[in-house]
PDB file of N, CA and C in Angstrom:
ATOM      1  N   UNK A   1       0.822 -37.552 -15.522  1.00  0.00           N
ATOM      2  CA  UNK A   1       0.720 -37.046 -16.852  1.00  0.00           C
ATOM      3  C   UNK A   1       1.165 -35.510 -17.132  1.00  0.00           C
ATOM      4  N   UNK A   2       1.287 -35.167 -16.128  1.00  0.00           N
ATOM      5  CA  UNK A   2       1.876 -33.569 -16.207  1.00  0.00           C
ATOM      6  C   UNK A   2       3.405 -33.747 -15.773  1.00  0.00           C
ATOM      7  N   UNK A   3       4.129 -33.248 -16.598  1.00  0.00           N
ATOM      8  CA  UNK A   3       5.705 -33.475 -16.543  1.00  0.00           C
ATOM      9  C   UNK A   3       6.427 -31.944 -16.184  1.00  0.00           C
ATOM     10  N   UNK A   4       7.402 -32.099 -15.227  1.00  0.00           N
ATOM     11  CA  UNK A   4       8.176 -30.766 -14.846  1.00  0.00           C
ATOM     12  C   UNK A   4       7.348 -29.876 -13.786  1.00  0.00           C
ATOM     13  N   UNK A   5       7.641 -28.878 -13.471  1.00  0.00           N
ATOM     14  CA  UNK A   5       7.336 -27.886 -12.731  1.00  0.00           C
ATOM     15  C   UNK A   5       7.568 -27.942 -11.638  1.00  0.00           C
ATOM     16  N   UNK A   6       7.357 -26.816 -10.819  1.00  0.00           N
ATOM     17  CA  UNK A   6       7.432 -26.668  -9.228  1.00  0.00           C
ATOM     18  C   UNK A   6       6.354 -27.463  -8.458  1.00  0.00           C
ATOM     19  N   UNK A   7       6.501 -28.175  -7.319  1.00  0.00           N
ATOM     20  CA  UNK A   7       5.454 -28.380  -6.513  1.00  0.00           C
ATOM     21  C   UNK A   7       5.001 -27.220  -5.716  1.00  0.00           C
ATOM     22  N   UNK A   8       3.674 -26.695  -5.620  1.00  0.00           N
ATOM     23  CA  UNK A   8       3.061 -26.103  -4.769  1.00  0.00           C
ATOM     24  C   UNK A   8       2.003 -26.873  -4.099  1.00  0.00           C
ATOM     25  N   UNK A   9       1.518 -25.968  -3.052  1.00  0.00           N
ATOM     26  CA  UNK A   9       0.264 -26.499  -2.428  1.00  0.00           C
ATOM     27  C   UNK A   9      -0.731 -25.330  -2.372  1.00  0.00           C
ATOM     28  N   UNK A  10      -1.847 -24.917  -2.409  1.00  0.00           N
ATOM     29  CA  UNK A  10      -2.710 -24.537  -2.050  1.00  0.00           C
ATOM     30  C   UNK A  10      -3.807 -25.287  -1.114  1.00  0.00           C
ATOM     31  N   UNK A  11      -4.089 -24.129  -0.220  1.00  0.00           N
ATOM     32  CA  UNK A  11      -5.527 -24.805   0.871  1.00  0.00           C
ATOM     33  C   UNK A  11      -6.103 -23.593   1.290  1.00  0.00           C
ATOM     34  N   UNK A  12      -7.310 -24.226   1.728  1.00  0.00           N
ATOM     35  CA  UNK A  12      -7.995 -23.352   2.696  1.00  0.00           C
ATOM     36  C   UNK A  12      -8.832 -23.777   4.043  1.00  0.00           C
ATOM     37  N   UNK A  13      -8.446 -23.558   5.368  1.00  0.00           N
ATOM     38  CA  UNK A  13      -8.807 -24.094   6.362  1.00  0.00           C
ATOM     39  C   UNK A  13      -9.857 -23.057   6.910  1.00  0.00           C
ATOM     40  N   UNK A  14     -10.607 -23.636   7.677  1.00  0.00           N
ATOM     41  CA  UNK A  14     -11.730 -22.768   8.252  1.00  0.00           C
ATOM     42  C   UNK A  14     -11.692 -22.351   9.787  1.00  0.00           C
ATOM     43  N   UNK A  15     -11.713 -20.690   9.955  1.00  0.00           N
ATOM     44  CA  UNK A  15     -11.655 -20.569  11.935  1.00  0.00           C
ATOM     45  C   UNK A  15     -13.053 -20.483  12.190  1.00  0.00           C
ATOM     46  N   UNK A  16     -13.486 -21.244  13.270  1.00  0.00           N
ATOM     47  CA  UNK A  16     -15.392 -21.372  13.448  1.00  0.00           C
ATOM     48  C   UNK A  16     -15.470 -19.541  13.863  1.00  0.00           C
ATOM     49  N   UNK A  17     -14.056 -18.876  13.968  1.00  0.00           N
ATOM     50  CA  UNK A  17     -14.475 -17.039  14.344  1.00  0.00           C
ATOM     51  C   UNK A  17     -14.164 -16.540  13.170  1.00  0.00           C
ATOM     52  N   UNK A  18     -12.990 -16.861  12.627  1.00  0.00           N
ATOM     53  CA  UNK A  18     -12.745 -15.857  11.489  1.00  0.00           C
ATOM     54  C   UNK A  18     -12.778 -16.514   9.771  1.00  0.00           C
ATOM     55  N   UNK A  19     -13.382 -17.415   9.978  1.00  0.00           N
ATOM     56  CA  UNK A  19     -13.518 -17.855   8.434  1.00  0.00           C
ATOM     57  C   UNK A  19     -12.722 -18.331   7.702  1.00  0.00           C
ATOM     58  N   UNK A  20     -12.516 -18.565   6.519  1.00  0.00           N
ATOM     59  CA  UNK A  20     -11.384 -19.104   5.919  1.00  0.00           C
ATOM     60  C   UNK A  20     -10.347 -18.719   5.485  1.00  0.00           C
ATOM     61  N   UNK A  21      -9.290 -19.621   5.209  1.00  0.00           N
ATOM     62  CA  UNK A  21      -8.093 -18.806   5.604  1.00  0.00           C
ATOM     63  C   UNK A  21      -7.564 -19.719   4.234  1.00  0.00           C
ATOM     64  N   UNK A  22      -6.790 -18.816   3.325  1.00  0.00           N
ATOM     65  CA  UNK A  22      -5.729 -19.736   2.344  1.00  0.00           C
ATOM     66  C   UNK A  22      -4.599 -19.872   2.365  1.00  0.00           C
ATOM     67  N   UNK A  23      -3.758 -21.038   2.387  1.00  0.00           N
ATOM     68  CA  UNK A  23      -2.816 -21.356   2.133  1.00  0.00           C
ATOM     69  C   UNK A  23      -1.855 -21.718   1.361  1.00  0.00           C
ATOM     70  N   UNK A  24      -0.625 -21.009   0.814  1.00  0.00           N
ATOM     71  CA  UNK A  24       0.115 -21.317   0.191  1.00  0.00           C
ATOM     72  C   UNK A  24       1.513 -21.345   0.778  1.00  0.00           C
ATOM     73  N   UNK A  25       1.787 -22.698  -0.165  1.00  0.00           N
ATOM     74  CA  UNK A  25       3.258 -23.017   0.013  1.00  0.00           C
ATOM     75  C   UNK A  25       4.081 -23.741  -0.976  1.00  0.00           C
ATOM     76  N   UNK A  26       4.969 -23.960  -0.641  1.00  0.00           N
ATOM     77  CA  UNK A  26       5.908 -25.226  -1.653  1.00  0.00           C
ATOM     78  C   UNK A  26       5.570 -26.150  -1.296  1.00  0.00           C
ATOM     79  N   UNK A  27       4.937 -27.120  -2.139  1.00  0.00           N
ATOM     80  CA  UNK A  27       4.593 -28.622  -2.133  1.00  0.00           C
ATOM     81  C   UNK A  27       5.545 -29.832  -1.505  1.00  0.00           C
ATOM     82  N   UNK A  28       5.276 -30.894  -1.847  1.00  0.00           N
ATOM     83  CA  UNK A  28       5.614 -31.854  -1.901  1.00  0.00           C
ATOM     84  C   UNK A  28       6.549 -32.422  -0.653  1.00  0.00           C
ATOM     85  N   UNK A  29       7.775 -32.351  -0.275  1.00  0.00           N
ATOM     86  CA  UNK A  29       8.727 -32.871   0.623  1.00  0.00           C
ATOM     87  C   UNK A  29       8.727 -31.587   1.452  1.00  0.00           C
ATOM     88  N   UNK A  30       8.785 -30.654   0.845  1.00  0.00           N
ATOM     89  CA  UNK A  30       8.947 -29.386   1.260  1.00  0.00           C
ATOM     90  C   UNK A  30       8.096 -28.627   2.291  1.00  0.00           C
ATOM     91  N   UNK A  31       6.787 -29.155   2.018  1.00  0.00           N
ATOM     92  CA  UNK A  31       5.790 -28.759   2.783  1.00  0.00           C
ATOM     93  C   UNK A  31       5.842 -29.631   4.103  1.00  0.00           C
ATOM     94  N   UNK A  32       6.336 -30.967   4.306  1.00  0.00           N
ATOM     95  CA  UNK A  32       6.186 -31.868   5.166  1.00  0.00           C
ATOM     96  C   UNK A  32       7.541 -31.526   5.873  1.00  0.00           C
ATOM     97  N   UNK A  33       8.619 -31.049   5.403  1.00  0.00           N
ATOM     98  CA  UNK A  33      10.064 -30.811   5.663  1.00  0.00           C
ATOM     99  C   UNK A  33      10.420 -29.443   6.558  1.00  0.00           C
ATOM    100  N   UNK A  34      10.068 -28.661   5.572  1.00  0.00           N
ATOM    101  CA  UNK A  34      10.344 -27.489   5.783  1.00  0.00           C
ATOM    102  C   UNK A  34       9.231 -26.616   6.249  1.00  0.00           C
ATOM    103  N   UNK A  35       7.860 -26.840   6.209  1.00  0.00           N
ATOM    104  CA  UNK A  35       7.174 -26.382   6.718  1.00  0.00           C
ATOM    105  C   UNK A  35       7.040 -24.984   6.077  1.00  0.00           C
ATOM    106  N   UNK A  36       6.834 -24.527   4.880  1.00  0.00           N
ATOM    107  CA  UNK A  36       7.124 -23.260   4.373  1.00  0.00           C
ATOM    108  C   UNK A  36       6.000 -22.871   3.806  1.00  0.00           C
ATOM    109  N   UNK A  37       5.241 -22.461   4.648  1.00  0.00           N
ATOM    110  CA  UNK A  37       3.485 -22.062   4.247  1.00  0.00           C
ATOM    111  C   UNK A  37       3.134 -20.699   4.535  1.00  0.00           C
ATOM    112  N   UNK A  38       2.611 -19.782   4.036  1.00  0.00           N
ATOM    113  CA  UNK A  38       1.761 -18.523   4.150  1.00  0.00           C
ATOM    114  C   UNK A  38       0.636 -18.915   4.422  1.00  0.00           C
ATOM    115  N   UNK A  39       0.027 -17.915   5.339  1.00  0.00           N
ATOM    116  CA  UNK A  39      -1.330 -18.149   5.409  1.00  0.00           C
ATOM    117  C   UNK A  39      -2.392 -16.758   5.266  1.00  0.00           C
ATOM    118  N   UNK A  40      -2.929 -16.452   4.805  1.00  0.00           N
ATOM    119  CA  UNK A  40      -3.907 -15.058   4.483  1.00  0.00           C
ATOM    120  C   UNK A  40      -5.452 -15.243   4.120  1.00  0.00           C
ATOM    121  N   UNK A  41      -5.727 -14.345   4.870  1.00  0.00           N
ATOM    122  CA  UNK A  41      -7.530 -14.199   5.333  1.00  0.00           C
ATOM    123  C   UNK A  41      -8.249 -13.458   3.992  1.00  0.00           C
ATOM    124  N   UNK A  42      -9.021 -14.272   3.037  1.00  0.00           N
ATOM    125  CA  UNK A  42      -9.805 -13.432   1.363  1.00  0.00           C
ATOM    126  C   UNK A  42     -11.000 -12.652   1.923  1.00  0.00           C
ATOM    127  N   UNK A  43     -10.923 -11.574   0.993  1.00  0.00           N
ATOM    128  CA  UNK A  43     -10.374 -11.922  -0.271  1.00  0.00           C
ATOM    129  C   UNK A  43      -9.293 -11.217  -0.151  1.00  0.00           C
ATOM    130  N   UNK A  44      -8.441 -11.977  -1.266  1.00  0.00           N
ATOM    131  CA  UNK A  44      -6.999 -11.767  -1.533  1.00  0.00           C
ATOM    132  C   UNK A  44      -7.007 -10.482  -2.890  1.00  0.00           C
ATOM    133  N   UNK A  45      -6.062  -9.752  -2.388  1.00  0.00           N
ATOM    134  CA  UNK A  45      -5.864  -9.097  -4.038  1.00  0.00           C
ATOM    135  C   UNK A  45      -4.535  -9.895  -4.882  1.00  0.00           C
ATOM    136  N   UNK A  46      -4.261  -8.755  -5.444  1.00  0.00           N
ATOM    137  CA  UNK A  46      -3.278  -9.329  -6.436  1.00  0.00           C
ATOM    138  C   UNK A  46      -1.741  -8.982  -5.680  1.00  0.00           C
ATOM    139  N   UNK A  47      -1.800  -7.719  -4.966  1.00  0.00           N
ATOM    140  CA  UNK A  47      -0.441  -7.508  -4.204  1.00  0.00           C
ATOM    141  C   UNK A  47      -0.395  -8.711  -2.765  1.00  0.00           C
ATOM    142  N   UNK A  48      -1.675  -8.929  -2.179  1.00  0.00           N
ATOM    143  CA  UNK A  48      -1.646 -10.069  -1.094  1.00  0.00           C
ATOM    144  C   UNK A  48      -1.365 -11.345  -2.144  1.00  0.00           C
ATOM    145  N   UNK A  49      -1.337 -11.706  -3.254  1.00  0.00           N
ATOM    146  CA  UNK A  49      -1.071 -13.362  -3.590  1.00  0.00           C
ATOM    147  C   UNK A  49       0.573 -12.710  -3.898  1.00  0.00           C
ATOM    148  N   UNK A  50       0.464 -11.757  -4.566  1.00  0.00           N
ATOM    149  CA  UNK A  50       2.365 -11.698  -4.530  1.00  0.00           C
ATOM    150  C   UNK A  50       3.113 -11.795  -3.061  1.00  0.00           C
ATOM    151  N   UNK A  51       2.780 -10.930  -2.176  1.00  0.00           N
ATOM    152  CA  UNK A  51       3.434 -11.469  -1.178  1.00  0.00           C
ATOM    153  C   UNK A  51       3.247 -12.476  -0.359  1.00  0.00           C
ATOM    154  N   UNK A  52       2.553 -13.317  -0.289  1.00  0.00           N
ATOM    155  CA  UNK A  52       2.093 -14.595  -0.241  1.00  0.00           C
ATOM    156  C   UNK A  52       3.830 -15.129  -1.032  1.00  0.00           C
ATOM    157  N   UNK A  53       3.832 -15.083  -2.122  1.00  0.00           N
ATOM    158  CA  UNK A  53       4.584 -15.630  -2.709  1.00  0.00           C
ATOM    159  C   UNK A  53       5.983 -15.178  -2.237  1.00  0.00           C
ATOM    160  N   UNK A  54       6.221 -14.023  -2.193  1.00  0.00           N
ATOM    161  CA  UNK A  54       7.357 -14.170  -1.652  1.00  0.00           C
ATOM    162  C   UNK A  54       7.799 -13.919  -0.479  1.00  0.00           C
ATOM    163  N   UNK A  55       6.251 -14.211   0.280  1.00  0.00           N
ATOM    164  CA  UNK A  55       6.855 -14.349   2.478  1.00  0.00           C
ATOM    165  C   UNK A  55       7.424 -15.619   2.115  1.00  0.00           C
ATOM    166  N   UNK A  56       7.492 -16.560   1.171  1.00  0.00           N
ATOM    167  CA  UNK A  56       8.208 -17.914   1.338  1.00  0.00           C
ATOM    168  C   UNK A  56       9.268 -17.990   1.601  1.00  0.00           C
ATOM    169  N   UNK A  57      10.003 -18.832   2.617  1.00  0.00           N
ATOM    170  CA  UNK A  57      11.185 -18.554   2.567  1.00  0.00           C
ATOM    171  C   UNK A  57      11.827 -19.303   1.189  1.00  0.00           C
ATOM    172  N   UNK A  58      11.447 -20.602   0.673  1.00  0.00           N
ATOM    173  CA  UNK A  58      11.746 -20.744  -0.640  1.00  0.00           C
ATOM    174  C   UNK A  58      11.383 -20.145  -1.710  1.00  0.00           C
ATOM    175  N   UNK A  59      10.854 -18.901  -1.907  1.00  0.00           N
ATOM    176  CA  UNK A  59      10.517 -18.283  -2.537  1.00  0.00           C
ATOM    177  C   UNK A  59      11.550 -17.934  -3.882  1.00  0.00           C
ATOM    178  N   UNK A  60      12.485 -17.860  -3.738  1.00  0.00           N
ATOM    179  CA  UNK A  60      14.036 -17.749  -4.720  1.00  0.00           C
ATOM    180  C   UNK A  60      13.743 -19.305  -5.616  1.00  0.00           C
ATOM    181  N   UNK A  61      13.199 -19.973  -4.607  1.00  0.00           N
ATOM    182  CA  UNK A  61      13.237 -21.339  -5.812  1.00  0.00           C
ATOM    183  C   UNK A  61      11.870 -21.108  -7.073  1.00  0.00           C
ATOM    184  N   UNK A  62      11.118 -20.686  -6.702  1.00  0.00           N
ATOM    185  CA  UNK A  62      10.136 -20.149  -7.997  1.00  0.00           C
ATOM    186  C   UNK A  62      10.291 -19.040  -8.628  1.00  0.00           C
ATOM    187  N   UNK A  63      11.462 -18.410  -7.854  1.00  0.00           N
ATOM    188  CA  UNK A  63      12.061 -17.416  -9.001  1.00  0.00           C
ATOM    189  C   UNK A  63      13.475 -17.457  -9.837  1.00  0.00           C
ATOM    190  N   UNK A  64      13.394 -18.648 -10.532  1.00  0.00           N
ATOM    191  CA  UNK A  64      14.717 -19.448 -10.905  1.00  0.00           C
ATOM    192  C   UNK A  64      16.266 -18.794 -10.234  1.00  0.00           C
ATOM    193  N   UNK A  65      16.161 -19.928  -9.273  1.00  0.00           N
ATOM    194  CA  UNK A  65      17.584 -20.031  -8.754  1.00  0.00           C
ATOM    195  C   UNK A  65      18.671 -21.002  -9.327  1.00  0.00           C
ATOM    196  N   UNK A  66      19.817 -20.160  -9.426  1.00  0.00           N
ATOM    197  CA  UNK A  66      21.161 -21.435  -9.727  1.00  0.00           C
ATOM    198  C   UNK A  66      20.105 -21.841 -11.130  1.00  0.00           C
ATOM    199  N   UNK A  67      20.128 -20.900 -12.198  1.00  0.00           N
ATOM    200  CA  UNK A  67      20.120 -21.311 -13.411  1.00  0.00           C
ATOM    201  C   UNK A  67      18.609 -21.833 -13.882  1.00  0.00           C
ATOM    202  N   UNK A  68      17.884 -22.332 -12.572  1.00  0.00           N
ATOM    203  CA  UNK A  68      16.573 -22.907 -13.087  1.00  0.00           C
ATOM    204  C   UNK A  68      15.876 -21.912 -14.096  1.00  0.00           C
ATOM    205  N   UNK A  69      14.469 -22.263 -14.436  1.00  0.00           N
ATOM    206  CA  UNK A  69      13.737 -21.946 -15.345  1.00  0.00           C
ATOM    207  C   UNK A  69      13.012 -21.071 -13.842  1.00  0.00           C
ATOM    208  N   UNK A  70      11.996 -20.039 -14.099  1.00  0.00           N
ATOM    209  CA  UNK A  70      11.112 -19.550 -13.191  1.00  0.00           C
ATOM    210  C   UNK A  70      10.182 -19.990 -13.198  1.00  0.00           C
ATOM    211  N   UNK A  71       9.273 -20.074 -12.575  1.00  0.00           N
ATOM    212  CA  UNK A  71       7.681 -20.370 -12.550  1.00  0.00           C
ATOM    213  C   UNK A  71       7.090 -19.521 -12.925  1.00  0.00           C
ATOM    214  N   UNK A  72       6.070 -20.024 -13.481  1.00  0.00           N
ATOM    215  CA  UNK A  72       4.925 -18.719 -13.909  1.00  0.00           C
ATOM    216  C   UNK A  72       4.031 -18.253 -12.707  1.00  0.00           C
ATOM    217  N   UNK A  73       4.789 -17.144 -12.161  1.00  0.00           N
ATOM    218  CA  UNK A  73       4.227 -16.332 -11.137  1.00  0.00           C
ATOM    219  C   UNK A  73       3.008 -15.859 -11.350  1.00  0.00           C
ATOM    220  N   UNK A  74       2.984 -15.434 -12.488  1.00  0.00           N
ATOM    221  CA  UNK A  74       1.179 -15.005 -12.981  1.00  0.00           C
ATOM    222  C   UNK A  74       0.458 -15.841 -12.685  1.00  0.00           C
ATOM    223  N   UNK A  75       0.734 -17.157 -13.118  1.00  0.00           N
ATOM    224  CA  UNK A  75      -0.304 -18.299 -12.445  1.00  0.00           C
ATOM    225  C   UNK A  75      -0.509 -18.516 -11.294  1.00  0.00           C
ATOM    226  N   UNK A  76       0.434 -18.212 -10.407  1.00  0.00           N
ATOM    227  CA  UNK A  76       0.219 -18.450  -9.139  1.00  0.00           C
ATOM    228  C   UNK A  76      -0.952 -17.625  -8.657  1.00  0.00           C
ATOM    229  N   UNK A  77      -0.445 -15.726  -8.912  1.00  0.00           N
ATOM    230  CA  UNK A  77      -1.067 -15.113  -8.271  1.00  0.00           C
ATOM    231  C   UNK A  77      -2.812 -15.329  -9.212  1.00  0.00           C
ATOM    232  N   UNK A  78      -2.933 -15.779  -9.836  1.00  0.00           N
ATOM    233  CA  UNK A  78      -4.425 -15.961 -10.657  1.00  0.00           C
ATOM    234  C   UNK A  78      -4.750 -17.318  -9.995  1.00  0.00           C
ATOM    235  N   UNK A  79      -4.316 -18.180  -9.318  1.00  0.00           N
ATOM    236  CA  UNK A  79      -4.843 -19.178  -8.943  1.00  0.00           C
ATOM    237  C   UNK A  79      -5.211 -18.783  -7.617  1.00  0.00           C
ATOM    238  N   UNK A  80      -4.310 -17.905  -6.783  1.00  0.00           N
ATOM    239  CA  UNK A  80      -4.489 -17.313  -5.099  1.00  0.00           C
ATOM    240  C   UNK A  80      -6.025 -17.238  -5.464  1.00  0.00           C
ATOM    241  N   UNK A  81      -6.013 -15.595  -6.442  1.00  0.00           N
ATOM    242  CA  UNK A  81      -7.017 -15.001  -6.141  1.00  0.00           C
ATOM    243  C   UNK A  81      -8.667 -15.572  -6.499  1.00  0.00           C
ATOM    244  N   UNK A  82      -8.239 -16.772  -7.445  1.00  0.00           N
ATOM    245  CA  UNK A  82      -9.390 -17.581  -7.929  1.00  0.00           C
ATOM    246  C   UNK A  82      -9.930 -18.142  -6.324  1.00  0.00           C
ATOM    247  N   UNK A  83      -8.845 -19.392  -5.695  1.00  0.00           N
ATOM    248  CA  UNK A  83      -9.098 -20.163  -4.915  1.00  0.00           C
ATOM    249  C   UNK A  83      -9.796 -19.070  -3.592  1.00  0.00           C
ATOM    250  N   UNK A  84      -9.307 -17.949  -3.999  1.00  0.00           N
ATOM    251  CA  UNK A  84      -9.538 -16.940  -2.545  1.00  0.00           C
ATOM    252  C   UNK A  84     -11.061 -16.984  -2.767  1.00  0.00           C
ATOM    253  N   UNK A  85     -11.571 -16.579  -3.667  1.00  0.00           N
ATOM    254  CA  UNK A  85     -12.789 -16.048  -4.215  1.00  0.00           C
ATOM    255  C   UNK A  85     -13.843 -17.480  -3.793  1.00  0.00           C
ATOM    256  N   UNK A  86     -13.443 -18.756  -4.569  1.00  0.00           N
ATOM    257  CA  UNK A  86     -13.752 -20.172  -4.217  1.00  0.00           C
ATOM    258  C   UNK A  86     -14.480 -20.040  -2.428  1.00  0.00           C
ATOM    259  N   UNK A  87     -13.030 -20.100  -1.730  1.00  0.00           N
ATOM    260  CA  UNK A  87     -12.909 -20.049  -0.496  1.00  0.00           C
ATOM    261  C   UNK A  87     -14.199 -19.137   0.124  1.00  0.00           C
ATOM    262  N   UNK A  88     -14.417 -18.036   0.055  1.00  0.00           N
ATOM    263  CA  UNK A  88     -15.576 -16.771   0.557  1.00  0.00           C
ATOM    264  C   UNK A  88     -16.809 -17.698  -0.121  1.00  0.00           C
ATOM    265  N   UNK A  89     -17.117 -18.395  -1.704  1.00  0.00           N
ATOM    266  CA  UNK A  89     -18.322 -19.014  -2.430  1.00  0.00           C
ATOM    267  C   UNK A  89     -18.318 -19.892  -1.231  1.00  0.00           C
ATOM    268  N   UNK A  90     -17.536 -20.776  -0.706  1.00  0.00           N
ATOM    269  CA  UNK A  90     -17.693 -22.141  -0.073  1.00  0.00           C
ATOM    270  C   UNK A  90     -17.825 -21.854   1.029  1.00  0.00           C
ATOM    271  N   UNK A  91     -17.716 -21.041   2.226  1.00  0.00           N
ATOM    272  CA  UNK A  91     -17.941 -20.599   3.418  1.00  0.00           C
ATOM    273  C   UNK A  91     -19.436 -21.354   4.258  1.00  0.00           C
ATOM    274  N   UNK A  92     -19.209 -21.822   4.803  1.00  0.00           N
ATOM    275  CA  UNK A  92     -20.403 -22.780   6.052  1.00  0.00           C
ATOM    276  C   UNK A  92     -20.511 -24.046   5.074  1.00  0.00           C
ATOM    277  N   UNK A  93     -20.253 -24.147   3.679  1.00  0.00           N
ATOM    278  CA  UNK A  93     -20.491 -25.916   2.684  1.00  0.00           C
ATOM    279  C   UNK A  93     -19.347 -26.873   3.083  1.00  0.00           C
ATOM    280  N   UNK A  94     -17.570 -25.778   3.057  1.00  0.00           N
ATOM    281  CA  UNK A  94     -16.689 -26.379   2.952  1.00  0.00           C
ATOM    282  C   UNK A  94     -15.658 -26.222   4.064  1.00  0.00           C
ATOM    283  N   UNK A  95     -15.391 -27.294   4.937  1.00  0.00           N
ATOM    284  CA  UNK A  95     -14.121 -27.171   6.052  1.00  0.00           C
ATOM    285  C   UNK A  95     -12.843 -26.651   5.843  1.00  0.00           C
ATOM    286  N   UNK A  96     -12.605 -27.532   4.608  1.00  0.00           N
ATOM    287  CA  UNK A  96     -11.188 -27.932   4.048  1.00  0.00           C
ATOM    288  C   UNK A  96     -10.853 -27.968   2.908  1.00  0.00           C
ATOM    289  N   UNK A  97      -9.999 -27.592   2.003  1.00  0.00           N
ATOM    290  CA  UNK A  97      -9.654 -28.093   0.346  1.00  0.00           C
ATOM    291  C   UNK A  97      -7.861 -27.969   0.593  1.00  0.00           C
ATOM    292  N   UNK A  98      -7.760 -28.873   0.126  1.00  0.00           N
ATOM    293  CA  UNK A  98      -6.239 -29.172   0.056  1.00  0.00           C
ATOM    294  C   UNK A  98      -5.755 -29.570  -1.488  1.00  0.00           C
ATOM    295  N   UNK A  99      -5.207 -28.930  -2.278  1.00  0.00           N
ATOM    296  CA  UNK A  99      -4.565 -28.890  -3.519  1.00  0.00           C
ATOM    297  C   UNK A  99      -3.243 -28.824  -3.116  1.00  0.00           C
ATOM    298  N   UNK A 100      -2.672 -30.535  -3.515  1.00  0.00           N
ATOM    299  CA  UNK A 100      -1.103 -30.896  -3.248  1.00  0.00           C
ATOM    300  C   UNK A 100      -1.089 -32.020  -4.195  1.00  0.00           C
ATOM    301  N   UNK A 101      -0.233 -31.702  -5.320  1.00  0.00           N
ATOM    302  CA  UNK A 101       0.596 -30.354  -5.606  1.00  0.00           C
ATOM    303  C   UNK A 101      -0.479 -29.645  -6.432  1.00  0.00           C
ATOM    304  N   UNK A 102      -0.233 -28.733  -6.361  1.00  0.00           N
ATOM    305  CA  UNK A 102      -0.803 -27.647  -7.869  1.00  0.00           C
ATOM    306  C   UNK A 102       0.908 -27.288  -8.317  1.00  0.00           C
ATOM    307  N   UNK A 103       1.025 -28.468  -9.349  1.00  0.00           N
ATOM    308  CA  UNK A 103       2.304 -28.010 -10.552  1.00  0.00           C
ATOM    309  C   UNK A 103       2.300 -26.630 -10.828  1.00  0.00           C
ATOM    310  N   UNK A 104       3.516 -26.132 -10.663  1.00  0.00           N
ATOM    311  CA  UNK A 104       3.538 -24.579 -11.596  1.00  0.00           C
ATOM    312  C   UNK A 104       4.404 -25.034 -12.611  1.00  0.00           C
ATOM    313  N   UNK A 105       3.988 -24.414 -13.796  1.00  0.00           N
ATOM    314  CA  UNK A 105       5.121 -24.835 -14.884  1.00  0.00           C
ATOM    315  C   UNK A 105       5.673 -23.284 -15.091  1.00  0.00           C
ATOM    316  N   UNK A 106       6.810 -23.430 -16.134  1.00  0.00           N
ATOM    317  CA  UNK A 106       7.524 -22.511 -16.513  1.00  0.00           C
ATOM    318  C   UNK A 106       7.140 -21.261 -16.611  1.00  0.00           C
ATOM    319  N   UNK A 107       7.217 -20.128 -16.902  1.00  0.00           N
ATOM    320  CA  UNK A 107       6.921 -18.535 -16.891  1.00  0.00           C
ATOM    321  C   UNK A 107       6.265 -19.075 -18.139  1.00  0.00           C
ATOM    322  N   UNK A 108       5.207 -18.484 -17.996  1.00  0.00           N
ATOM    323  CA  UNK A 108       4.353 -18.617 -19.441  1.00  0.00           C
ATOM    324  C   UNK A 108       3.382 -19.920 -19.772  1.00  0.00           C
ATOM    325  N   UNK A 109       3.584 -20.711 -19.052  1.00  0.00           N
ATOM    326  CA  UNK A 109       3.077 -22.175 -19.087  1.00  0.00           C
ATOM    327  C   UNK A 109       1.622 -22.305 -18.341  1.00  0.00           C
ATOM    328  N   UNK A 110       1.456 -21.363 -16.916  1.00  0.00           N
ATOM    329  CA  UNK A 110       0.335 -22.108 -16.243  1.00  0.00           C
ATOM    330  C   UNK A 110       0.372 -22.469 -15.279  1.00  0.00           C
ATOM    331  N   UNK A 111      -0.317 -23.581 -14.611  1.00  0.00           N
ATOM    332  CA  UNK A 111      -0.463 -24.114 -13.338  1.00  0.00           C
ATOM    333  C   UNK A 111      -1.465 -25.130 -13.067  1.00  0.00           C
ATOM    334  N   UNK A 112      -1.166 -26.425 -13.090  1.00  0.00           N
ATOM    335  CA  UNK A 112      -1.897 -27.594 -13.190  1.00  0.00           C
ATOM    336  C   UNK A 112      -2.205 -28.145 -11.602  1.00  0.00           C
ATOM    337  N   UNK A 113      -3.550 -28.205 -10.873  1.00  0.00           N
ATOM    338  CA  UNK A 113      -3.774 -29.077 -10.147  1.00  0.00           C
ATOM    339  C   UNK A 113      -3.847 -30.628 -10.307  1.00  0.00           C
ATOM    340  N   UNK A 114      -2.590 -31.189  -9.506  1.00  0.00           N
ATOM    341  CA  UNK A 114      -2.644 -32.710 -10.068  1.00  0.00           C
ATOM    342  C   UNK A 114      -3.935 -33.327  -9.120  1.00  0.00           C
ATOM    343  N   UNK A 115      -3.941 -33.083  -7.719  1.00  0.00           N
ATOM    344  CA  UNK A 115      -4.795 -33.777  -6.806  1.00  0.00           C
ATOM    345  C   UNK A 115      -5.115 -32.766  -5.684  1.00  0.00           C
ATOM    346  N   UNK A 116      -6.642 -32.909  -5.015  1.00  0.00           N
ATOM    347  CA  UNK A 116      -7.411 -32.375  -4.444  1.00  0.00           C
ATOM    348  C   UNK A 116      -8.374 -32.640  -4.048  1.00  0.00           C
ATOM    349  N   UNK A 117      -8.172 -32.380  -2.189  1.00  0.00           N
ATOM    350  CA  UNK A 117      -9.176 -33.068  -1.218  1.00  0.00           C
ATOM    351  C   UNK A 117     -10.146 -32.096  -0.632  1.00  0.00           C
ATOM    352  N   UNK A 118     -11.085 -32.362  -0.558  1.00  0.00           N
ATOM    353  CA  UNK A 118     -12.763 -30.981  -0.285  1.00  0.00           C
ATOM    354  C   UNK A 118     -13.529 -31.749   0.725  1.00  0.00           C
ATOM    355  N   UNK A 119     -13.252 -31.518   2.128  1.00  0.00           N
ATOM    356  CA  UNK A 119     -14.103 -32.032   3.285  1.00  0.00           C
ATOM    357  C   UNK A 119     -14.954 -30.518   3.545  1.00  0.00           C
ATOM    358  N   UNK A 120     -16.500 -31.755   3.609  1.00  0.00           N
ATOM    359  CA  UNK A 120     -17.476 -30.834   3.711  1.00  0.00           C
ATOM    360  C   UNK A 120     -17.485 -30.590   5.324  1.00  0.00           C
ATOM    361  N   UNK A 121     -18.530 -29.421   5.443  1.00  0.00           N
ATOM    362  CA  UNK A 121     -18.830 -29.384   6.997  1.00  0.00           C
ATOM    363  C   UNK A 121     -19.553 -29.977   7.234  1.00  0.00           C
TER     364      UNK A 121
END
């Protein structure tokens, strides 16, 4: 029902010692084949979220390579910031969250979570 956009993945994993970790990467076949993800410990700042985007090997895909439209990078930053806070709020209640795909539309058009798995503790 959502057309277009770039498939990304946003997730949370919990470590008993360190707590939640936020994962971001290219979704779809990219996460399965290239394993192109970045992990950070919340809480995240806007600079942290931007570094997560920039830290991907495939960051150029989201930034509009070879005439492709640029993804809504501000929307990704906002999702990562809000998701980071959600992970902290759910600490001890949720063990894992997997949003795959998070479709990131072209610049200025936002992002849409298409599927989500939540695993309680």
